[in-house]
Amino acid sequence: MFDCGSASVRPDPVGGLLPLSEEKGFDKSSPNGEGVARRSVENGFMLSRRSAEHGFTLVELMVVIVIIGLLATIVAINVIPATDTARVEKAKADIATIEQALEQYRLDNMTYPSATDGLQALLNPPASLAQPQRYRRGGYIKKLPNDPWGRPYAYAIPGRKGAFDISSLGADGQPGGDSENADIYSSEL
């Protein structure tokens, strides 16, 4: 026990000094002369000072784990649908880019690529080209993208509602479906 003027203090287990108190629950009459905190029962509750040596209880740890789990679930519920929507929008943007390249091809070569030549005709001049000198050097697109699910876009001439169709079968890779599994056609954009 240390004496600081009129106030008596004792060492704190975590490194500071605590004032000795005359309040209920504190006993100054220990054998070594230092005050010893004793536990007291008030209204049926045990009062004690948690020392720095004690850890967290299992219940406290479980509560924290449950809270973290709930937060992770909320984040997952909000992020996963946004990813699916972003993939559909990416497919639509890719299809629009390929459509523009096909239109440039048609303006230069007076026709769209044949079904046999397919979208590869946008990268390299096809052998069936009537006037190869009209083909743009470097092609009409730098790289043919795959759809966001890793499959190549399909090219059909004639299209369902127009001169051609560029399509993706969506997330499931099967004809039909809805939401992220729905087929995406250039003629429907």
N, C-alpha and C. Protein backbone atom coordinates (compact mmCIF):
# COMPACT_ATOMS: atom_id res chain seq x y z
N MET A 1 0.86 -1.17 0.00
CA MET A 1 0.00 0.00 0.00
C MET A 1 0.90 1.23 0.00
N PHE A 2 0.51 2.23 -0.76
CA PHE A 2 1.27 3.46 -0.87
C PHE A 2 0.45 4.59 -0.26
N ASP A 3 1.13 5.59 0.24
CA ASP A 3 0.43 6.74 0.81
C ASP A 3 0.71 7.95 -0.08
N CYS A 4 -0.34 8.49 -0.67
CA CYS A 4 -0.22 9.67 -1.54
C CYS A 4 -0.94 10.82 -0.86
N GLY A 5 -0.31 11.45 0.11
CA GLY A 5 -0.95 12.55 0.82
C GLY A 5 -2.05 12.01 1.69
N SER A 6 -3.27 12.50 1.49
CA SER A 6 -4.39 12.07 2.29
C SER A 6 -5.09 10.84 1.71
N ALA A 7 -4.74 10.45 0.48
CA ALA A 7 -5.41 9.31 -0.15
C ALA A 7 -4.50 8.10 -0.11
N SER A 8 -5.05 6.98 0.24
CA SER A 8 -4.30 5.72 0.20
C SER A 8 -4.63 5.01 -1.10
N VAL A 9 -3.61 4.45 -1.71
CA VAL A 9 -3.82 3.74 -2.98
C VAL A 9 -3.16 2.38 -2.90
N ARG A 10 -3.59 1.46 -3.75
CA ARG A 10 -2.99 0.14 -3.84
C ARG A 10 -2.68 -0.15 -5.29
N PRO A 11 -1.72 -1.06 -5.55
CA PRO A 11 -1.38 -1.41 -6.94
C PRO A 11 -2.56 -2.07 -7.64
N ASP A 12 -2.77 -1.71 -8.89
CA ASP A 12 -3.81 -2.32 -9.73
C ASP A 12 -3.21 -3.52 -10.44
N PRO A 13 -3.95 -4.62 -10.60
CA PRO A 13 -3.39 -5.80 -11.26
C PRO A 13 -2.96 -5.55 -12.70
N VAL A 14 -3.49 -4.53 -13.36
CA VAL A 14 -3.12 -4.26 -14.75
C VAL A 14 -2.13 -3.12 -14.87
N GLY A 15 -1.54 -2.65 -13.78
CA GLY A 15 -0.43 -1.72 -13.89
C GLY A 15 -0.61 -0.34 -13.33
N GLY A 16 -1.77 0.06 -12.84
CA GLY A 16 -1.96 1.41 -12.31
C GLY A 16 -2.12 1.38 -10.80
N LEU A 17 -2.62 2.44 -10.24
CA LEU A 17 -2.90 2.51 -8.81
C LEU A 17 -4.38 2.75 -8.63
N LEU A 18 -4.98 2.05 -7.69
CA LEU A 18 -6.39 2.22 -7.39
C LEU A 18 -6.55 2.79 -5.99
N PRO A 19 -7.52 3.69 -5.76
CA PRO A 19 -7.73 4.21 -4.41
C PRO A 19 -8.31 3.13 -3.51
N LEU A 20 -7.88 3.12 -2.26
CA LEU A 20 -8.48 2.22 -1.28
C LEU A 20 -9.78 2.86 -0.84
N SER A 21 -10.78 2.07 -0.66
CA SER A 21 -12.09 2.61 -0.38
C SER A 21 -12.59 2.12 0.96
N GLU A 22 -13.37 2.95 1.57
CA GLU A 22 -14.01 2.58 2.83
C GLU A 22 -15.37 1.97 2.55
N GLU A 23 -15.72 1.84 1.27
CA GLU A 23 -17.05 1.38 0.90
C GLU A 23 -17.25 -0.06 1.28
N LYS A 24 -18.50 -0.47 1.29
CA LYS A 24 -18.88 -1.84 1.56
C LYS A 24 -18.21 -2.75 0.53
N GLY A 25 -17.65 -3.86 0.96
CA GLY A 25 -17.01 -4.77 0.04
C GLY A 25 -15.51 -4.65 0.06
N PHE A 26 -14.92 -3.78 0.91
CA PHE A 26 -13.47 -3.63 0.95
C PHE A 26 -13.02 -3.81 2.39
N ASP A 27 -12.02 -4.63 2.59
CA ASP A 27 -11.55 -4.95 3.94
C ASP A 27 -10.09 -4.56 4.07
N LYS A 28 -9.80 -3.62 5.00
CA LYS A 28 -8.42 -3.16 5.21
C LYS A 28 -7.68 -4.03 6.22
N SER A 29 -8.34 -4.95 6.85
CA SER A 29 -7.72 -5.68 7.96
C SER A 29 -7.12 -7.00 7.51
N SER A 30 -6.31 -6.99 6.48
CA SER A 30 -5.65 -8.23 6.06
C SER A 30 -4.39 -8.40 6.88
N PRO A 31 -3.85 -9.62 6.95
CA PRO A 31 -2.68 -9.86 7.78
C PRO A 31 -1.44 -9.08 7.34
N ASN A 32 -1.26 -8.80 6.05
CA ASN A 32 -0.06 -8.11 5.60
C ASN A 32 -0.22 -6.59 5.58
N GLY A 33 -1.33 -6.07 6.03
CA GLY A 33 -1.51 -4.63 6.13
C GLY A 33 -2.05 -3.99 4.87
N GLU A 34 -2.13 -4.72 3.77
CA GLU A 34 -2.68 -4.16 2.54
C GLU A 34 -4.16 -4.45 2.49
N GLY A 35 -4.89 -3.58 1.86
CA GLY A 35 -6.31 -3.81 1.71
C GLY A 35 -6.57 -4.95 0.74
N VAL A 36 -7.56 -5.76 1.02
CA VAL A 36 -7.91 -6.89 0.16
C VAL A 36 -9.36 -6.74 -0.24
N ALA A 37 -9.60 -6.78 -1.52
CA ALA A 37 -10.98 -6.69 -1.98
C ALA A 37 -11.68 -7.99 -1.64
N ARG A 38 -12.83 -7.90 -1.00
CA ARG A 38 -13.57 -9.12 -0.72
C ARG A 38 -14.88 -9.06 -1.49
N ARG A 39 -15.35 -10.21 -1.81
CA ARG A 39 -16.60 -10.28 -2.57
C ARG A 39 -17.76 -10.06 -1.62
N SER A 40 -18.73 -9.34 -2.08
CA SER A 40 -19.93 -9.14 -1.28
C SER A 40 -21.14 -9.49 -2.11
N VAL A 41 -22.17 -9.85 -1.46
CA VAL A 41 -23.40 -10.21 -2.14
C VAL A 41 -24.40 -9.08 -1.91
N GLU A 42 -24.85 -8.47 -3.02
CA GLU A 42 -25.87 -7.44 -2.93
C GLU A 42 -27.02 -7.87 -3.81
N ASN A 43 -28.19 -7.92 -3.26
CA ASN A 43 -29.40 -8.28 -3.99
C ASN A 43 -29.24 -9.59 -4.76
N GLY A 44 -28.55 -10.54 -4.20
CA GLY A 44 -28.42 -11.85 -4.83
C GLY A 44 -27.36 -11.95 -5.91
N PHE A 45 -26.60 -10.89 -6.19
CA PHE A 45 -25.56 -10.92 -7.22
C PHE A 45 -24.19 -10.88 -6.57
N MET A 46 -23.29 -11.64 -7.12
CA MET A 46 -21.92 -11.65 -6.63
C MET A 46 -21.17 -10.51 -7.31
N LEU A 47 -20.54 -9.64 -6.56
CA LEU A 47 -19.76 -8.55 -7.12
C LEU A 47 -18.29 -8.89 -6.99
N SER A 48 -17.57 -8.80 -8.05
CA SER A 48 -16.13 -9.00 -7.99
C SER A 48 -15.49 -8.25 -9.14
N ARG A 49 -14.25 -7.88 -8.96
CA ARG A 49 -13.50 -7.19 -10.00
C ARG A 49 -12.82 -8.25 -10.84
N ARG A 50 -13.05 -8.22 -12.17
CA ARG A 50 -12.42 -9.19 -13.06
C ARG A 50 -10.96 -8.79 -13.23
N SER A 51 -10.08 -9.70 -12.92
CA SER A 51 -8.66 -9.36 -13.06
C SER A 51 -8.23 -9.58 -14.50
N ALA A 52 -7.06 -9.06 -14.84
CA ALA A 52 -6.53 -9.17 -16.20
C ALA A 52 -6.17 -10.61 -16.54
N GLU A 53 -6.11 -11.49 -15.55
CA GLU A 53 -5.73 -12.88 -15.80
C GLU A 53 -6.89 -13.70 -16.32
N HIS A 54 -8.11 -13.27 -16.12
CA HIS A 54 -9.27 -14.04 -16.56
C HIS A 54 -9.54 -13.78 -18.03
N GLY A 55 -10.05 -14.80 -18.75
CA GLY A 55 -10.39 -14.66 -20.16
C GLY A 55 -11.89 -14.49 -20.31
N PHE A 56 -12.36 -14.73 -21.53
CA PHE A 56 -13.78 -14.65 -21.81
C PHE A 56 -14.44 -15.99 -21.52
N THR A 57 -15.70 -15.95 -21.16
CA THR A 57 -16.42 -17.19 -20.92
C THR A 57 -16.87 -17.78 -22.24
N LEU A 58 -17.23 -19.03 -22.21
CA LEU A 58 -17.71 -19.71 -23.42
C LEU A 58 -18.96 -19.03 -23.96
N VAL A 59 -19.84 -18.60 -23.08
CA VAL A 59 -21.07 -17.92 -23.51
C VAL A 59 -20.74 -16.63 -24.24
N GLU A 60 -19.81 -15.85 -23.71
CA GLU A 60 -19.41 -14.60 -24.37
C GLU A 60 -18.83 -14.87 -25.75
N LEU A 61 -17.99 -15.89 -25.85
CA LEU A 61 -17.42 -16.23 -27.16
C LEU A 61 -18.49 -16.69 -28.13
N MET A 62 -19.45 -17.47 -27.66
CA MET A 62 -20.53 -17.95 -28.54
C MET A 62 -21.39 -16.78 -29.02
N VAL A 63 -21.66 -15.82 -28.17
CA VAL A 63 -22.44 -14.65 -28.58
C VAL A 63 -21.72 -13.88 -29.67
N VAL A 64 -20.42 -13.69 -29.52
CA VAL A 64 -19.64 -12.98 -30.54
C VAL A 64 -19.65 -13.77 -31.86
N ILE A 65 -19.49 -15.08 -31.79
CA ILE A 65 -19.51 -15.91 -33.00
C ILE A 65 -20.86 -15.83 -33.70
N VAL A 66 -21.94 -15.86 -32.94
CA VAL A 66 -23.28 -15.75 -33.54
C VAL A 66 -23.46 -14.39 -34.21
N ILE A 67 -23.01 -13.33 -33.58
CA ILE A 67 -23.12 -11.98 -34.18
C ILE A 67 -22.33 -11.91 -35.48
N ILE A 68 -21.11 -12.44 -35.48
CA ILE A 68 -20.29 -12.44 -36.70
C ILE A 68 -20.98 -13.26 -37.79
N GLY A 69 -21.56 -14.39 -37.42
CA GLY A 69 -22.28 -15.22 -38.40
C GLY A 69 -23.47 -14.49 -39.00
N LEU A 70 -24.22 -13.77 -38.17
CA LEU A 70 -25.36 -13.00 -38.67
C LEU A 70 -24.91 -11.91 -39.63
N LEU A 71 -23.84 -11.21 -39.28
CA LEU A 71 -23.33 -10.16 -40.17
C LEU A 71 -22.86 -10.75 -41.50
N ALA A 72 -22.18 -11.89 -41.47
CA ALA A 72 -21.72 -12.53 -42.70
C ALA A 72 -22.90 -12.95 -43.56
N THR A 73 -23.97 -13.45 -42.94
CA THR A 73 -25.16 -13.84 -43.69
C THR A 73 -25.81 -12.64 -44.36
N ILE A 74 -25.91 -11.54 -43.65
CA ILE A 74 -26.50 -10.33 -44.23
C ILE A 74 -25.69 -9.85 -45.43
N VAL A 75 -24.38 -9.86 -45.30
CA VAL A 75 -23.51 -9.44 -46.42
C VAL A 75 -23.69 -10.38 -47.60
N ALA A 76 -23.70 -11.69 -47.36
CA ALA A 76 -23.84 -12.66 -48.44
C ALA A 76 -25.18 -12.51 -49.16
N ILE A 77 -26.24 -12.29 -48.40
CA ILE A 77 -27.57 -12.13 -49.00
C ILE A 77 -27.61 -10.92 -49.92
N ASN A 78 -26.88 -9.87 -49.58
CA ASN A 78 -26.89 -8.66 -50.41
C ASN A 78 -25.89 -8.71 -51.55
N VAL A 79 -24.80 -9.44 -51.43
CA VAL A 79 -23.75 -9.44 -52.45
C VAL A 79 -24.01 -10.46 -53.56
N ILE A 80 -24.48 -11.65 -53.23
CA ILE A 80 -24.65 -12.71 -54.24
C ILE A 80 -25.63 -12.31 -55.34
N PRO A 81 -26.81 -11.77 -55.04
CA PRO A 81 -27.70 -11.35 -56.14
C PRO A 81 -27.10 -10.23 -56.98
N ALA A 82 -26.33 -9.35 -56.38
CA ALA A 82 -25.70 -8.27 -57.14
C ALA A 82 -24.70 -8.84 -58.13
N THR A 83 -24.01 -9.91 -57.77
CA THR A 83 -23.06 -10.55 -58.67
C THR A 83 -23.78 -11.15 -59.87
N ASP A 84 -24.92 -11.82 -59.63
CA ASP A 84 -25.69 -12.41 -60.73
C ASP A 84 -26.19 -11.32 -61.68
N THR A 85 -26.69 -10.23 -61.13
CA THR A 85 -27.18 -9.12 -61.96
C THR A 85 -26.03 -8.52 -62.76
N ALA A 86 -24.88 -8.38 -62.15
CA ALA A 86 -23.72 -7.81 -62.85
C ALA A 86 -23.30 -8.70 -64.02
N ARG A 87 -23.39 -10.02 -63.86
CA ARG A 87 -23.03 -10.93 -64.95
C ARG A 87 -23.99 -10.79 -66.13
N VAL A 88 -25.27 -10.67 -65.84
CA VAL A 88 -26.25 -10.48 -66.92
C VAL A 88 -25.98 -9.17 -67.64
N GLU A 89 -25.69 -8.11 -66.91
CA GLU A 89 -25.40 -6.82 -67.53
C GLU A 89 -24.11 -6.87 -68.35
N LYS A 90 -23.12 -7.62 -67.88
CA LYS A 90 -21.87 -7.78 -68.63
C LYS A 90 -22.14 -8.50 -69.94
N ALA A 91 -22.98 -9.53 -69.92
CA ALA A 91 -23.33 -10.25 -71.15
C ALA A 91 -24.01 -9.31 -72.13
N LYS A 92 -24.90 -8.47 -71.66
CA LYS A 92 -25.59 -7.51 -72.55
C LYS A 92 -24.59 -6.53 -73.16
N ALA A 93 -23.64 -6.06 -72.36
CA ALA A 93 -22.63 -5.13 -72.87
C ALA A 93 -21.73 -5.81 -73.91
N ASP A 94 -21.34 -7.06 -73.65
CA ASP A 94 -20.53 -7.82 -74.62
C ASP A 94 -21.28 -7.99 -75.94
N ILE A 95 -22.55 -8.33 -75.85
CA ILE A 95 -23.36 -8.53 -77.05
C ILE A 95 -23.45 -7.23 -77.84
N ALA A 96 -23.63 -6.10 -77.15
CA ALA A 96 -23.69 -4.81 -77.84
C ALA A 96 -22.36 -4.51 -78.55
N THR A 97 -21.24 -4.84 -77.94
CA THR A 97 -19.92 -4.63 -78.56
C THR A 97 -19.77 -5.49 -79.81
N ILE A 98 -20.18 -6.75 -79.72
CA ILE A 98 -20.09 -7.65 -80.88
C ILE A 98 -21.01 -7.16 -81.99
N GLU A 99 -22.21 -6.68 -81.63
CA GLU A 99 -23.13 -6.12 -82.63
C GLU A 99 -22.48 -4.96 -83.39
N GLN A 100 -21.81 -4.07 -82.67
CA GLN A 100 -21.15 -2.94 -83.33
C GLN A 100 -20.06 -3.42 -84.28
N ALA A 101 -19.31 -4.42 -83.88
CA ALA A 101 -18.26 -4.97 -84.75
C ALA A 101 -18.88 -5.61 -85.99
N LEU A 102 -20.01 -6.30 -85.84
CA LEU A 102 -20.69 -6.90 -86.99
C LEU A 102 -21.19 -5.83 -87.95
N GLU A 103 -21.70 -4.73 -87.41
CA GLU A 103 -22.17 -3.64 -88.28
C GLU A 103 -21.01 -3.02 -89.06
N GLN A 104 -19.86 -2.84 -88.42
CA GLN A 104 -18.67 -2.33 -89.12
C GLN A 104 -18.23 -3.31 -90.21
N TYR A 105 -18.28 -4.59 -89.92
CA TYR A 105 -17.94 -5.62 -90.89
C TYR A 105 -18.87 -5.51 -92.11
N ARG A 106 -20.18 -5.38 -91.83
CA ARG A 106 -21.16 -5.28 -92.92
C ARG A 106 -20.93 -4.03 -93.77
N LEU A 107 -20.62 -2.89 -93.12
CA LEU A 107 -20.38 -1.67 -93.88
C LEU A 107 -19.18 -1.81 -94.81
N ASP A 108 -18.13 -2.48 -94.36
CA ASP A 108 -16.92 -2.64 -95.18
C ASP A 108 -17.07 -3.73 -96.24
N ASN A 109 -17.79 -4.80 -95.92
CA ASN A 109 -17.81 -5.99 -96.78
C ASN A 109 -19.17 -6.26 -97.43
N MET A 110 -20.13 -5.38 -97.21
CA MET A 110 -21.46 -5.43 -97.83
C MET A 110 -22.34 -6.60 -97.38
N THR A 111 -21.90 -7.36 -96.41
CA THR A 111 -22.68 -8.47 -95.88
C THR A 111 -22.17 -8.83 -94.49
N TYR A 112 -23.01 -9.53 -93.75
CA TYR A 112 -22.57 -10.05 -92.45
C TYR A 112 -21.77 -11.33 -92.67
N PRO A 113 -20.96 -11.74 -91.71
CA PRO A 113 -20.26 -13.02 -91.86
C PRO A 113 -21.27 -14.16 -91.99
N SER A 114 -20.91 -15.17 -92.73
CA SER A 114 -21.80 -16.33 -92.87
C SER A 114 -21.83 -17.12 -91.56
N ALA A 115 -22.82 -18.01 -91.45
CA ALA A 115 -22.91 -18.86 -90.26
C ALA A 115 -21.68 -19.75 -90.15
N THR A 116 -21.13 -20.16 -91.30
CA THR A 116 -19.93 -21.01 -91.30
C THR A 116 -18.72 -20.24 -90.79
N ASP A 117 -18.57 -18.99 -91.23
CA ASP A 117 -17.43 -18.17 -90.79
C ASP A 117 -17.59 -17.74 -89.33
N GLY A 118 -18.81 -17.50 -88.91
CA GLY A 118 -19.11 -17.15 -87.53
C GLY A 118 -18.43 -15.87 -87.07
N LEU A 119 -18.33 -15.73 -85.77
CA LEU A 119 -17.75 -14.52 -85.18
C LEU A 119 -16.25 -14.43 -85.37
N GLN A 120 -15.60 -15.54 -85.74
CA GLN A 120 -14.15 -15.51 -86.01
C GLN A 120 -13.84 -14.58 -87.18
N ALA A 121 -14.84 -14.33 -88.04
CA ALA A 121 -14.64 -13.42 -89.17
C ALA A 121 -14.36 -11.99 -88.70
N LEU A 122 -14.69 -11.69 -87.44
CA LEU A 122 -14.41 -10.36 -86.91
C LEU A 122 -12.94 -10.21 -86.53
N LEU A 123 -12.24 -11.32 -86.36
CA LEU A 123 -10.82 -11.30 -85.98
C LEU A 123 -9.89 -11.45 -87.18
N ASN A 124 -10.26 -12.35 -88.10
CA ASN A 124 -9.42 -12.66 -89.26
C ASN A 124 -10.29 -12.71 -90.51
N PRO A 125 -9.78 -12.28 -91.66
CA PRO A 125 -10.60 -12.33 -92.88
C PRO A 125 -10.92 -13.78 -93.26
N PRO A 126 -12.20 -14.07 -93.47
CA PRO A 126 -12.56 -15.43 -93.87
C PRO A 126 -12.13 -15.72 -95.32
N ALA A 127 -11.91 -16.98 -95.62
CA ALA A 127 -11.51 -17.38 -96.97
C ALA A 127 -12.63 -17.13 -97.97
N SER A 128 -13.87 -17.15 -97.51
CA SER A 128 -15.01 -16.97 -98.41
C SER A 128 -15.31 -15.51 -98.75
N LEU A 129 -14.51 -14.59 -98.27
CA LEU A 129 -14.75 -13.16 -98.49
C LEU A 129 -14.60 -12.81 -99.97
N ALA A 130 -15.63 -12.16 -100.55
CA ALA A 130 -15.64 -11.84 -101.98
C ALA A 130 -14.56 -10.81 -102.33
N GLN A 131 -14.38 -9.80 -101.52
CA GLN A 131 -13.38 -8.76 -101.78
C GLN A 131 -12.48 -8.61 -100.54
N PRO A 132 -11.45 -9.45 -100.42
CA PRO A 132 -10.59 -9.42 -99.22
C PRO A 132 -9.90 -8.09 -98.98
N GLN A 133 -9.69 -7.28 -100.03
CA GLN A 133 -9.03 -5.99 -99.86
C GLN A 133 -9.89 -5.02 -99.05
N ARG A 134 -11.18 -5.27 -98.95
CA ARG A 134 -12.08 -4.39 -98.18
C ARG A 134 -12.04 -4.70 -96.68
N TYR A 135 -11.49 -5.84 -96.33
CA TYR A 135 -11.44 -6.24 -94.91
C TYR A 135 -10.50 -5.31 -94.15
N ARG A 136 -10.94 -4.82 -93.03
CA ARG A 136 -10.16 -3.88 -92.21
C ARG A 136 -8.93 -4.57 -91.63
N ARG A 137 -7.78 -3.94 -91.81
CA ARG A 137 -6.55 -4.49 -91.26
C ARG A 137 -6.63 -4.48 -89.72
N GLY A 138 -6.33 -5.58 -89.09
CA GLY A 138 -6.43 -5.68 -87.63
C GLY A 138 -7.76 -6.23 -87.17
N GLY A 139 -8.70 -6.43 -88.08
CA GLY A 139 -10.01 -6.99 -87.71
C GLY A 139 -10.97 -5.94 -87.17
N TYR A 140 -12.09 -6.42 -86.68
CA TYR A 140 -13.17 -5.54 -86.22
C TYR A 140 -13.34 -5.56 -84.70
N ILE A 141 -12.65 -6.47 -84.08
CA ILE A 141 -12.69 -6.56 -82.62
C ILE A 141 -11.35 -7.14 -82.18
N LYS A 142 -10.81 -6.67 -81.08
CA LYS A 142 -9.49 -7.15 -80.64
C LYS A 142 -9.53 -8.59 -80.16
N LYS A 143 -10.60 -8.92 -79.46
CA LYS A 143 -10.71 -10.26 -78.89
C LYS A 143 -12.19 -10.59 -78.75
N LEU A 144 -12.56 -11.81 -79.09
CA LEU A 144 -13.94 -12.24 -78.88
C LEU A 144 -14.10 -12.65 -77.41
N PRO A 145 -14.98 -11.97 -76.71
CA PRO A 145 -15.15 -12.34 -75.30
C PRO A 145 -16.00 -13.59 -75.15
N ASN A 146 -15.81 -14.31 -74.08
CA ASN A 146 -16.74 -15.37 -73.69
C ASN A 146 -17.80 -14.71 -72.82
N ASP A 147 -18.95 -15.39 -72.68
CA ASP A 147 -19.96 -14.83 -71.79
C ASP A 147 -19.44 -14.91 -70.35
N PRO A 148 -20.09 -14.22 -69.42
CA PRO A 148 -19.59 -14.19 -68.04
C PRO A 148 -19.53 -15.55 -67.35
N TRP A 149 -20.14 -16.56 -67.96
CA TRP A 149 -20.13 -17.91 -67.40
C TRP A 149 -19.09 -18.79 -68.10
N GLY A 150 -18.25 -18.17 -68.95
CA GLY A 150 -17.13 -18.87 -69.56
C GLY A 150 -17.40 -19.57 -70.88
N ARG A 151 -18.58 -19.38 -71.47
CA ARG A 151 -18.90 -20.02 -72.75
C ARG A 151 -18.88 -19.00 -73.88
N PRO A 152 -18.55 -19.44 -75.11
CA PRO A 152 -18.55 -18.48 -76.23
C PRO A 152 -19.97 -18.04 -76.57
N TYR A 153 -20.08 -16.83 -77.08
CA TYR A 153 -21.38 -16.34 -77.55
C TYR A 153 -21.73 -17.06 -78.84
N ALA A 154 -23.02 -17.33 -79.01
CA ALA A 154 -23.49 -18.00 -80.23
C ALA A 154 -23.87 -16.93 -81.26
N TYR A 155 -23.62 -17.26 -82.55
CA TYR A 155 -23.95 -16.35 -83.66
C TYR A 155 -24.86 -17.11 -84.61
N ALA A 156 -26.00 -16.51 -84.93
CA ALA A 156 -26.94 -17.13 -85.87
C ALA A 156 -27.32 -16.11 -86.93
N ILE A 157 -27.32 -16.55 -88.19
CA ILE A 157 -27.74 -15.70 -89.31
C ILE A 157 -28.64 -16.55 -90.20
N PRO A 158 -29.83 -16.18 -90.47
CA PRO A 158 -30.56 -15.01 -89.97
C PRO A 158 -30.95 -15.20 -88.51
N GLY A 159 -31.26 -14.08 -87.87
CA GLY A 159 -31.64 -14.11 -86.46
C GLY A 159 -33.12 -14.37 -86.28
N ARG A 160 -33.56 -14.45 -85.06
CA ARG A 160 -34.97 -14.69 -84.74
C ARG A 160 -35.84 -13.51 -85.15
N LYS A 161 -35.33 -12.28 -84.95
CA LYS A 161 -36.12 -11.09 -85.27
C LYS A 161 -35.36 -10.10 -86.13
N GLY A 162 -34.19 -10.45 -86.61
CA GLY A 162 -33.39 -9.51 -87.38
C GLY A 162 -32.43 -10.25 -88.29
N ALA A 163 -31.46 -9.52 -88.82
CA ALA A 163 -30.49 -10.09 -89.75
C ALA A 163 -29.62 -11.14 -89.08
N PHE A 164 -29.34 -10.98 -87.79
CA PHE A 164 -28.50 -11.94 -87.06
C PHE A 164 -28.89 -11.91 -85.59
N ASP A 165 -28.42 -12.89 -84.86
CA ASP A 165 -28.58 -12.94 -83.41
C ASP A 165 -27.26 -13.33 -82.77
N ILE A 166 -26.93 -12.67 -81.69
CA ILE A 166 -25.82 -13.07 -80.83
C ILE A 166 -26.49 -13.43 -79.51
N SER A 167 -26.12 -14.57 -78.96
CA SER A 167 -26.83 -15.01 -77.76
C SER A 167 -25.92 -15.70 -76.76
N SER A 168 -26.41 -15.72 -75.53
CA SER A 168 -25.81 -16.46 -74.43
C SER A 168 -26.93 -17.25 -73.77
N LEU A 169 -26.64 -18.47 -73.34
CA LEU A 169 -27.65 -19.30 -72.70
C LEU A 169 -27.79 -19.02 -71.21
N GLY A 170 -27.15 -18.01 -70.71
CA GLY A 170 -27.28 -17.63 -69.30
C GLY A 170 -26.43 -18.49 -68.39
N ALA A 171 -26.69 -18.38 -67.09
CA ALA A 171 -25.87 -19.04 -66.07
C ALA A 171 -25.92 -20.56 -66.16
N ASP A 172 -27.09 -21.12 -66.50
CA ASP A 172 -27.21 -22.58 -66.51
C ASP A 172 -26.71 -23.23 -67.80
N GLY A 173 -26.50 -22.45 -68.86
CA GLY A 173 -26.02 -23.00 -70.12
C GLY A 173 -27.06 -23.82 -70.87
N GLN A 174 -28.32 -23.75 -70.45
CA GLN A 174 -29.41 -24.50 -71.07
C GLN A 174 -30.41 -23.53 -71.69
N PRO A 175 -31.05 -23.92 -72.78
CA PRO A 175 -32.08 -23.05 -73.37
C PRO A 175 -33.21 -22.79 -72.38
N GLY A 176 -33.75 -21.59 -72.42
CA GLY A 176 -34.84 -21.22 -71.52
C GLY A 176 -34.31 -20.72 -70.19
N GLY A 177 -35.18 -20.70 -69.21
CA GLY A 177 -34.80 -20.26 -67.87
C GLY A 177 -35.27 -18.86 -67.57
N ASP A 178 -35.08 -18.45 -66.33
CA ASP A 178 -35.45 -17.09 -65.94
C ASP A 178 -34.38 -16.52 -65.02
N SER A 179 -34.48 -15.24 -64.75
CA SER A 179 -33.50 -14.43 -64.02
C SER A 179 -32.10 -14.67 -64.57
N GLU A 180 -31.11 -15.09 -63.77
CA GLU A 180 -29.75 -15.25 -64.30
C GLU A 180 -29.61 -16.45 -65.24
N ASN A 181 -30.58 -17.35 -65.25
CA ASN A 181 -30.56 -18.51 -66.15
C ASN A 181 -31.22 -18.21 -67.50
N ALA A 182 -31.83 -17.06 -67.64
CA ALA A 182 -32.54 -16.71 -68.87
C ALA A 182 -31.56 -16.53 -70.03
N ASP A 183 -32.00 -16.93 -71.22
CA ASP A 183 -31.20 -16.72 -72.42
C ASP A 183 -31.19 -15.24 -72.76
N ILE A 184 -30.07 -14.77 -73.29
CA ILE A 184 -29.92 -13.36 -73.64
C ILE A 184 -29.68 -13.29 -75.15
N TYR A 185 -30.58 -12.64 -75.88
CA TYR A 185 -30.48 -12.51 -77.34
C TYR A 185 -30.31 -11.05 -77.72
N SER A 186 -29.47 -10.81 -78.71
CA SER A 186 -29.26 -9.44 -79.18
C SER A 186 -30.54 -8.83 -79.72
N SER A 187 -31.40 -9.64 -80.31
CA SER A 187 -32.64 -9.11 -80.89
C SER A 187 -33.64 -8.68 -79.81
N GLU A 188 -33.40 -9.07 -78.57
CA GLU A 188 -34.33 -8.72 -77.48
C GLU A 188 -33.80 -7.61 -76.58
N LEU A 189 -32.64 -7.07 -76.91
CA LEU A 189 -32.07 -6.01 -76.07
C LEU A 189 -32.59 -4.66 -76.50
